Amino acid sequence: MDVEPLRPGTPGPHPGPRRRDRRGRGRRWDLIPPHLPGYRTRREQFDDTVAEAGAALTERFPRRLAHLQVLVEEVPPTDPAPWEDATVLLGRGLPPSREHPARVIIYRRPVQTRCLGEQELETLVRQVLAEQIGSLLNVPPEDVDPDAWGE
């Protein structure tokens, strides 16, 4: 059976919608079902941890943190600001400006590499958020989230 390659502009052999992928294997499904732990990526799990911790802190200071944005980035910028140390940043707090509300940035990779388990990760995220929000509000971090440091 001879098969000629299609020339540009000519209709294909099947004018209807394609029901299979191009190699004929059928529709692709998720490899891991949603009820198993490996379904969500580390990034998605980290985002959820930061969102939960940020929501808890905004409930604690509803008026002062009403417009706070909590962002997650992979790694900190390579060039630190002149007033910052040359150490690896875990987070950064940016005061409000005309263009943007107050923002707190958490850097995912440096935070995750310092933690062995989910409990440590949650504690470190809460500590970093408390430090950055405390610097924005001129409040000690222990007063922002007293449970982050324990007894």
N, C-alpha and C. Protein backbone atom coordinates (compact mmCIF):
# COMPACT_ATOMS: atom_id res chain seq x y z
N MET A 1 0.85 -1.17 0.00
CA MET A 1 0.00 0.00 0.00
C MET A 1 0.89 1.23 0.00
N ASP A 2 0.73 2.08 -1.00
CA ASP A 2 1.50 3.30 -1.10
C ASP A 2 0.77 4.42 -0.37
N VAL A 3 1.54 5.18 0.40
CA VAL A 3 0.97 6.33 1.10
C VAL A 3 1.74 7.56 0.66
N GLU A 4 1.02 8.50 0.12
CA GLU A 4 1.66 9.74 -0.31
C GLU A 4 1.60 10.75 0.82
N PRO A 5 2.66 11.50 1.03
CA PRO A 5 2.61 12.55 2.04
C PRO A 5 1.65 13.64 1.59
N LEU A 6 0.98 14.23 2.54
CA LEU A 6 0.05 15.31 2.23
C LEU A 6 0.80 16.57 1.86
N ARG A 7 0.31 17.22 0.85
CA ARG A 7 0.88 18.50 0.46
C ARG A 7 0.16 19.61 1.21
N PRO A 8 0.84 20.69 1.53
CA PRO A 8 0.18 21.79 2.23
C PRO A 8 -1.02 22.28 1.43
N GLY A 9 -2.12 22.50 2.14
CA GLY A 9 -3.32 23.03 1.51
C GLY A 9 -4.29 21.96 1.06
N THR A 10 -3.88 20.69 1.09
CA THR A 10 -4.81 19.63 0.70
C THR A 10 -5.51 19.10 1.93
N PRO A 11 -6.77 18.71 1.80
CA PRO A 11 -7.48 18.19 2.97
C PRO A 11 -6.91 16.84 3.38
N GLY A 12 -6.99 16.55 4.67
CA GLY A 12 -6.48 15.30 5.21
C GLY A 12 -7.40 14.15 4.88
N PRO A 13 -6.99 12.91 5.18
CA PRO A 13 -7.80 11.75 4.85
C PRO A 13 -9.05 11.66 5.70
N HIS A 14 -9.06 12.22 6.91
CA HIS A 14 -10.21 12.17 7.81
C HIS A 14 -10.65 13.59 8.12
N PRO A 15 -11.69 14.08 7.45
CA PRO A 15 -12.08 15.47 7.66
C PRO A 15 -12.73 15.74 9.00
N GLY A 16 -13.21 14.73 9.73
CA GLY A 16 -13.88 14.93 11.01
C GLY A 16 -12.88 15.18 12.14
N PRO A 17 -13.41 15.36 13.35
CA PRO A 17 -12.52 15.59 14.49
C PRO A 17 -11.71 14.34 14.81
N ARG A 18 -10.49 14.54 15.29
CA ARG A 18 -9.63 13.42 15.64
C ARG A 18 -10.04 12.86 16.99
N ARG A 19 -10.19 11.57 17.04
CA ARG A 19 -10.61 10.92 18.27
C ARG A 19 -9.43 10.30 19.01
N ARG A 20 -8.32 10.21 18.38
CA ARG A 20 -7.13 9.61 19.00
C ARG A 20 -5.96 10.57 18.79
N ASP A 21 -4.92 10.36 19.58
CA ASP A 21 -3.74 11.17 19.36
C ASP A 21 -3.05 10.72 18.07
N ARG A 22 -2.02 11.37 17.69
CA ARG A 22 -1.45 11.12 16.37
C ARG A 22 -0.80 9.75 16.23
N ARG A 23 -0.50 9.07 17.31
CA ARG A 23 0.10 7.75 17.19
C ARG A 23 -0.93 6.64 17.41
N GLY A 24 -2.20 7.00 17.54
CA GLY A 24 -3.25 6.01 17.61
C GLY A 24 -3.39 5.28 18.93
N ARG A 25 -2.86 5.83 20.00
CA ARG A 25 -2.94 5.13 21.29
C ARG A 25 -4.19 5.48 22.08
N GLY A 26 -4.94 6.38 21.60
CA GLY A 26 -6.14 6.78 22.33
C GLY A 26 -5.86 7.95 23.26
N ARG A 27 -6.89 8.31 23.98
CA ARG A 27 -6.78 9.46 24.88
C ARG A 27 -5.86 9.13 26.05
N ARG A 28 -5.08 10.12 26.44
CA ARG A 28 -4.15 9.95 27.56
C ARG A 28 -4.85 10.28 28.86
N TRP A 29 -4.58 9.52 29.90
CA TRP A 29 -5.15 9.75 31.22
C TRP A 29 -4.01 10.05 32.18
N ASP A 30 -4.35 10.51 33.36
CA ASP A 30 -3.34 10.75 34.39
C ASP A 30 -2.72 9.42 34.80
N LEU A 31 -1.42 9.46 35.02
CA LEU A 31 -0.75 8.24 35.45
C LEU A 31 -1.10 7.89 36.89
N ILE A 32 -1.29 8.93 37.72
CA ILE A 32 -1.61 8.73 39.13
C ILE A 32 -3.01 9.27 39.38
N PRO A 33 -3.89 8.47 39.92
CA PRO A 33 -5.24 8.97 40.20
C PRO A 33 -5.23 10.05 41.28
N PRO A 34 -6.25 10.92 41.30
CA PRO A 34 -6.26 12.05 42.23
C PRO A 34 -6.28 11.67 43.70
N HIS A 35 -6.70 10.47 44.06
CA HIS A 35 -6.77 10.11 45.47
C HIS A 35 -5.44 9.62 46.02
N LEU A 36 -4.42 9.46 45.21
CA LEU A 36 -3.10 9.03 45.69
C LEU A 36 -2.21 10.23 45.97
N PRO A 37 -1.25 10.08 46.91
CA PRO A 37 -0.44 11.24 47.32
C PRO A 37 0.44 11.82 46.23
N GLY A 38 0.88 11.04 45.28
CA GLY A 38 1.78 11.54 44.25
C GLY A 38 1.09 12.34 43.16
N TYR A 39 -0.23 12.50 43.25
CA TYR A 39 -0.97 13.21 42.21
C TYR A 39 -0.59 14.68 42.13
N ARG A 40 -0.41 15.31 43.28
CA ARG A 40 -0.06 16.74 43.32
C ARG A 40 1.45 16.89 43.33
N THR A 41 1.95 17.86 42.60
CA THR A 41 3.39 18.09 42.55
C THR A 41 3.86 18.79 43.82
N ARG A 42 5.15 18.80 44.02
CA ARG A 42 5.72 19.49 45.18
C ARG A 42 5.40 20.98 45.13
N ARG A 43 5.42 21.53 43.95
CA ARG A 43 5.12 22.95 43.80
C ARG A 43 3.69 23.25 44.24
N GLU A 44 2.74 22.42 43.82
CA GLU A 44 1.35 22.62 44.20
C GLU A 44 1.15 22.44 45.71
N GLN A 45 1.82 21.47 46.30
CA GLN A 45 1.73 21.27 47.74
C GLN A 45 2.32 22.46 48.49
N PHE A 46 3.46 22.98 48.00
CA PHE A 46 4.08 24.14 48.63
C PHE A 46 3.18 25.36 48.52
N ASP A 47 2.58 25.57 47.36
CA ASP A 47 1.67 26.70 47.17
C ASP A 47 0.50 26.63 48.15
N ASP A 48 -0.03 25.43 48.35
CA ASP A 48 -1.13 25.26 49.30
C ASP A 48 -0.69 25.57 50.73
N THR A 49 0.52 25.14 51.09
CA THR A 49 1.04 25.42 52.44
C THR A 49 1.18 26.92 52.66
N VAL A 50 1.73 27.62 51.67
CA VAL A 50 1.91 29.07 51.78
C VAL A 50 0.55 29.77 51.83
N ALA A 51 -0.40 29.32 51.01
CA ALA A 51 -1.71 29.95 51.00
C ALA A 51 -2.43 29.78 52.33
N GLU A 52 -2.33 28.60 52.92
CA GLU A 52 -2.97 28.36 54.22
C GLU A 52 -2.34 29.21 55.31
N ALA A 53 -1.00 29.28 55.34
CA ALA A 53 -0.32 30.08 56.35
C ALA A 53 -0.61 31.57 56.15
N GLY A 54 -0.63 32.03 54.91
CA GLY A 54 -0.93 33.43 54.63
C GLY A 54 -2.36 33.79 55.00
N ALA A 55 -3.30 32.88 54.74
CA ALA A 55 -4.70 33.14 55.09
C ALA A 55 -4.87 33.23 56.61
N ALA A 56 -4.15 32.37 57.34
CA ALA A 56 -4.25 32.41 58.80
C ALA A 56 -3.72 33.73 59.36
N LEU A 57 -2.66 34.25 58.76
CA LEU A 57 -2.10 35.52 59.25
C LEU A 57 -2.95 36.71 58.85
N THR A 58 -3.57 36.66 57.68
CA THR A 58 -4.44 37.78 57.30
C THR A 58 -5.70 37.79 58.14
N GLU A 59 -6.13 36.64 58.64
CA GLU A 59 -7.26 36.61 59.57
C GLU A 59 -6.88 37.21 60.91
N ARG A 60 -5.61 37.08 61.27
CA ARG A 60 -5.13 37.61 62.55
C ARG A 60 -5.06 39.14 62.52
N PHE A 61 -4.68 39.72 61.38
CA PHE A 61 -4.60 41.17 61.20
C PHE A 61 -5.45 41.57 59.99
N PRO A 62 -6.77 41.52 60.09
CA PRO A 62 -7.60 41.71 58.89
C PRO A 62 -7.49 43.10 58.27
N ARG A 63 -7.44 44.14 59.07
CA ARG A 63 -7.39 45.49 58.49
C ARG A 63 -6.03 45.83 57.93
N ARG A 64 -4.99 45.48 58.66
CA ARG A 64 -3.64 45.87 58.25
C ARG A 64 -3.12 45.04 57.07
N LEU A 65 -3.64 43.83 56.92
CA LEU A 65 -3.18 42.96 55.83
C LEU A 65 -4.25 42.70 54.79
N ALA A 66 -5.21 43.60 54.69
CA ALA A 66 -6.33 43.40 53.77
C ALA A 66 -5.86 43.31 52.31
N HIS A 67 -4.85 44.06 51.93
CA HIS A 67 -4.41 44.09 50.54
C HIS A 67 -3.06 43.41 50.33
N LEU A 68 -2.62 42.63 51.32
CA LEU A 68 -1.33 41.96 51.21
C LEU A 68 -1.39 40.86 50.15
N GLN A 69 -0.37 40.80 49.31
CA GLN A 69 -0.22 39.72 48.34
C GLN A 69 0.90 38.81 48.82
N VAL A 70 0.62 37.53 48.87
CA VAL A 70 1.64 36.54 49.21
C VAL A 70 1.96 35.79 47.94
N LEU A 71 3.21 35.88 47.51
CA LEU A 71 3.65 35.28 46.24
C LEU A 71 4.68 34.20 46.50
N VAL A 72 4.77 33.26 45.58
CA VAL A 72 5.77 32.20 45.64
C VAL A 72 6.60 32.28 44.37
N GLU A 73 7.91 32.32 44.55
CA GLU A 73 8.83 32.25 43.41
C GLU A 73 9.76 31.08 43.64
N GLU A 74 10.36 30.60 42.58
CA GLU A 74 11.23 29.43 42.68
C GLU A 74 12.49 29.73 43.47
N VAL A 75 13.26 30.71 43.02
CA VAL A 75 14.53 31.04 43.65
C VAL A 75 14.65 32.56 43.77
N PRO A 76 15.46 33.03 44.70
CA PRO A 76 15.64 34.48 44.81
C PRO A 76 16.48 35.01 43.64
N PRO A 77 16.41 36.31 43.39
CA PRO A 77 17.24 36.87 42.32
C PRO A 77 18.72 36.70 42.65
N THR A 78 19.53 36.65 41.63
CA THR A 78 20.96 36.41 41.85
C THR A 78 21.68 37.62 42.40
N ASP A 79 21.17 38.78 42.17
CA ASP A 79 21.85 39.97 42.68
C ASP A 79 21.06 40.54 43.86
N PRO A 80 21.58 40.37 45.10
CA PRO A 80 20.86 40.92 46.24
C PRO A 80 20.94 42.44 46.25
N ALA A 81 20.00 43.04 46.93
CA ALA A 81 20.00 44.49 47.06
C ALA A 81 21.23 44.91 47.85
N PRO A 82 21.70 46.15 47.69
CA PRO A 82 22.92 46.58 48.38
C PRO A 82 22.83 46.48 49.90
N TRP A 83 21.64 46.59 50.46
CA TRP A 83 21.53 46.55 51.92
C TRP A 83 21.33 45.13 52.45
N GLU A 84 21.21 44.14 51.56
CA GLU A 84 21.00 42.76 51.98
C GLU A 84 22.32 42.01 52.03
N ASP A 85 22.37 41.00 52.88
CA ASP A 85 23.53 40.14 52.95
C ASP A 85 23.61 39.29 51.69
N ALA A 86 24.76 38.68 51.48
CA ALA A 86 24.94 37.82 50.31
C ALA A 86 24.46 36.40 50.59
N THR A 87 23.73 36.19 51.68
CA THR A 87 23.22 34.86 51.99
C THR A 87 21.99 34.56 51.13
N VAL A 88 21.59 33.31 51.13
CA VAL A 88 20.41 32.90 50.36
C VAL A 88 19.16 33.37 51.09
N LEU A 89 18.30 34.04 50.37
CA LEU A 89 17.06 34.55 50.96
C LEU A 89 16.00 33.47 50.97
N LEU A 90 15.21 33.44 52.03
CA LEU A 90 14.07 32.53 52.10
C LEU A 90 12.79 33.26 51.74
N GLY A 91 12.79 34.56 51.94
CA GLY A 91 11.62 35.37 51.64
C GLY A 91 11.98 36.83 51.59
N ARG A 92 11.05 37.63 51.11
CA ARG A 92 11.28 39.07 51.01
C ARG A 92 9.96 39.78 51.18
N GLY A 93 9.97 40.87 51.92
CA GLY A 93 8.79 41.70 52.10
C GLY A 93 8.97 43.01 51.36
N LEU A 94 8.03 43.37 50.54
CA LEU A 94 8.10 44.61 49.78
C LEU A 94 6.97 45.53 50.23
N PRO A 95 7.30 46.73 50.67
CA PRO A 95 6.26 47.65 51.14
C PRO A 95 5.37 48.10 49.98
N PRO A 96 4.19 48.64 50.31
CA PRO A 96 3.29 49.07 49.24
C PRO A 96 3.85 50.27 48.48
N SER A 97 3.48 50.36 47.23
CA SER A 97 3.86 51.50 46.39
C SER A 97 2.60 51.95 45.65
N ARG A 98 2.77 52.91 44.76
CA ARG A 98 1.61 53.37 43.99
C ARG A 98 1.09 52.30 43.04
N GLU A 99 2.00 51.49 42.54
CA GLU A 99 1.62 50.47 41.55
C GLU A 99 1.18 49.16 42.17
N HIS A 100 1.73 48.80 43.34
CA HIS A 100 1.49 47.49 43.92
C HIS A 100 1.14 47.60 45.40
N PRO A 101 0.29 46.70 45.89
CA PRO A 101 0.07 46.64 47.34
C PRO A 101 1.29 45.99 48.01
N ALA A 102 1.25 45.91 49.31
CA ALA A 102 2.35 45.24 50.03
C ALA A 102 2.42 43.78 49.58
N ARG A 103 3.64 43.30 49.42
CA ARG A 103 3.85 41.94 48.94
C ARG A 103 4.86 41.22 49.80
N VAL A 104 4.62 39.94 50.00
CA VAL A 104 5.59 39.06 50.64
C VAL A 104 5.88 37.94 49.65
N ILE A 105 7.15 37.73 49.39
CA ILE A 105 7.58 36.71 48.43
C ILE A 105 8.29 35.61 49.21
N ILE A 106 7.85 34.38 48.99
CA ILE A 106 8.49 33.21 49.59
C ILE A 106 9.21 32.47 48.45
N TYR A 107 10.47 32.13 48.68
CA TYR A 107 11.26 31.42 47.66
C TYR A 107 11.20 29.92 47.95
N ARG A 108 10.57 29.19 47.04
CA ARG A 108 10.26 27.78 47.25
C ARG A 108 11.48 26.88 47.40
N ARG A 109 12.42 26.97 46.49
CA ARG A 109 13.54 26.02 46.50
C ARG A 109 14.41 26.16 47.75
N PRO A 110 14.82 27.37 48.16
CA PRO A 110 15.63 27.46 49.39
C PRO A 110 14.88 26.98 50.63
N VAL A 111 13.57 27.22 50.68
CA VAL A 111 12.80 26.79 51.85
C VAL A 111 12.68 25.27 51.86
N GLN A 112 12.38 24.67 50.72
CA GLN A 112 12.20 23.22 50.66
C GLN A 112 13.49 22.46 50.92
N THR A 113 14.62 22.98 50.50
CA THR A 113 15.88 22.26 50.71
C THR A 113 16.30 22.26 52.17
N ARG A 114 15.77 23.15 52.98
CA ARG A 114 16.12 23.19 54.39
C ARG A 114 15.21 22.34 55.26
N CYS A 115 14.22 21.70 54.68
CA CYS A 115 13.25 20.94 55.47
C CYS A 115 13.30 19.46 55.10
N LEU A 116 13.13 18.62 56.12
CA LEU A 116 13.12 17.18 55.89
C LEU A 116 11.72 16.62 55.73
N GLY A 117 10.75 17.24 56.37
CA GLY A 117 9.38 16.72 56.30
C GLY A 117 8.37 17.84 56.15
N GLU A 118 7.12 17.44 56.04
CA GLU A 118 6.05 18.41 55.84
C GLU A 118 5.85 19.30 57.07
N GLN A 119 6.05 18.74 58.27
CA GLN A 119 5.87 19.53 59.48
C GLN A 119 6.93 20.63 59.57
N GLU A 120 8.18 20.28 59.25
CA GLU A 120 9.25 21.28 59.25
C GLU A 120 8.99 22.35 58.18
N LEU A 121 8.50 21.92 57.03
CA LEU A 121 8.21 22.85 55.95
C LEU A 121 7.13 23.84 56.37
N GLU A 122 6.08 23.35 56.98
CA GLU A 122 5.00 24.23 57.42
C GLU A 122 5.50 25.22 58.47
N THR A 123 6.32 24.75 59.40
CA THR A 123 6.86 25.63 60.44
C THR A 123 7.77 26.69 59.84
N LEU A 124 8.64 26.30 58.91
CA LEU A 124 9.55 27.28 58.30
C LEU A 124 8.79 28.30 57.46
N VAL A 125 7.78 27.86 56.73
CA VAL A 125 6.97 28.79 55.94
C VAL A 125 6.29 29.80 56.85
N ARG A 126 5.74 29.33 57.96
CA ARG A 126 5.09 30.24 58.90
C ARG A 126 6.09 31.22 59.51
N GLN A 127 7.31 30.76 59.81
CA GLN A 127 8.33 31.64 60.37
C GLN A 127 8.76 32.70 59.37
N VAL A 128 8.97 32.29 58.13
CA VAL A 128 9.39 33.25 57.10
C VAL A 128 8.28 34.28 56.86
N LEU A 129 7.04 33.82 56.77
CA LEU A 129 5.92 34.76 56.61
C LEU A 129 5.83 35.71 57.79
N ALA A 130 5.97 35.19 59.00
CA ALA A 130 5.89 36.05 60.19
C ALA A 130 7.01 37.08 60.20
N GLU A 131 8.22 36.69 59.81
CA GLU A 131 9.33 37.64 59.76
C GLU A 131 9.08 38.75 58.74
N GLN A 132 8.63 38.37 57.55
CA GLN A 132 8.42 39.36 56.50
C GLN A 132 7.23 40.27 56.81
N ILE A 133 6.15 39.71 57.30
CA ILE A 133 5.00 40.54 57.66
C ILE A 133 5.33 41.41 58.86
N GLY A 134 6.09 40.88 59.81
CA GLY A 134 6.53 41.68 60.94
C GLY A 134 7.38 42.86 60.52
N SER A 135 8.23 42.66 59.51
CA SER A 135 9.05 43.78 59.03
C SER A 135 8.19 44.83 58.33
N LEU A 136 7.11 44.39 57.66
CA LEU A 136 6.22 45.36 57.00
C LEU A 136 5.39 46.14 58.02
N LEU A 137 5.00 45.48 59.12
CA LEU A 137 4.13 46.10 60.11
C LEU A 137 4.89 46.71 61.29
N ASN A 138 6.21 46.57 61.31
CA ASN A 138 7.04 47.00 62.44
C ASN A 138 6.59 46.33 63.73
N VAL A 139 6.40 45.03 63.65
CA VAL A 139 5.98 44.21 64.79
C VAL A 139 6.97 43.06 64.89
N PRO A 140 7.36 42.65 66.09
CA PRO A 140 8.24 41.47 66.19
C PRO A 140 7.57 40.24 65.60
N PRO A 141 8.33 39.37 64.94
CA PRO A 141 7.74 38.19 64.30
C PRO A 141 7.02 37.27 65.30
N GLU A 142 7.49 37.25 66.54
CA GLU A 142 6.85 36.42 67.55
C GLU A 142 5.45 36.91 67.87
N ASP A 143 5.20 38.21 67.67
CA ASP A 143 3.85 38.75 67.89
C ASP A 143 2.94 38.53 66.68
N VAL A 144 3.54 38.39 65.51
CA VAL A 144 2.74 38.15 64.31
C VAL A 144 2.18 36.73 64.33
N ASP A 145 3.03 35.75 64.60
CA ASP A 145 2.59 34.35 64.67
C ASP A 145 3.31 33.67 65.84
N PRO A 146 2.75 33.77 67.04
CA PRO A 146 3.43 33.19 68.20
C PRO A 146 3.56 31.67 68.14
N ASP A 147 2.67 30.99 67.42
CA ASP A 147 2.73 29.52 67.35
C ASP A 147 3.82 29.02 66.43
N ALA A 148 4.40 29.87 65.59
CA ALA A 148 5.42 29.43 64.64
C ALA A 148 6.73 29.06 65.34
N TRP A 149 6.99 29.68 66.49
CA TRP A 149 8.24 29.41 67.19
C TRP A 149 8.06 28.43 68.34
N GLY A 150 6.86 28.06 68.62
CA GLY A 150 6.60 27.09 69.69
C GLY A 150 6.82 27.70 71.06
N GLU A 151 7.04 26.83 72.02
CA GLU A 151 7.20 27.28 73.41
C GLU A 151 8.61 27.72 73.67
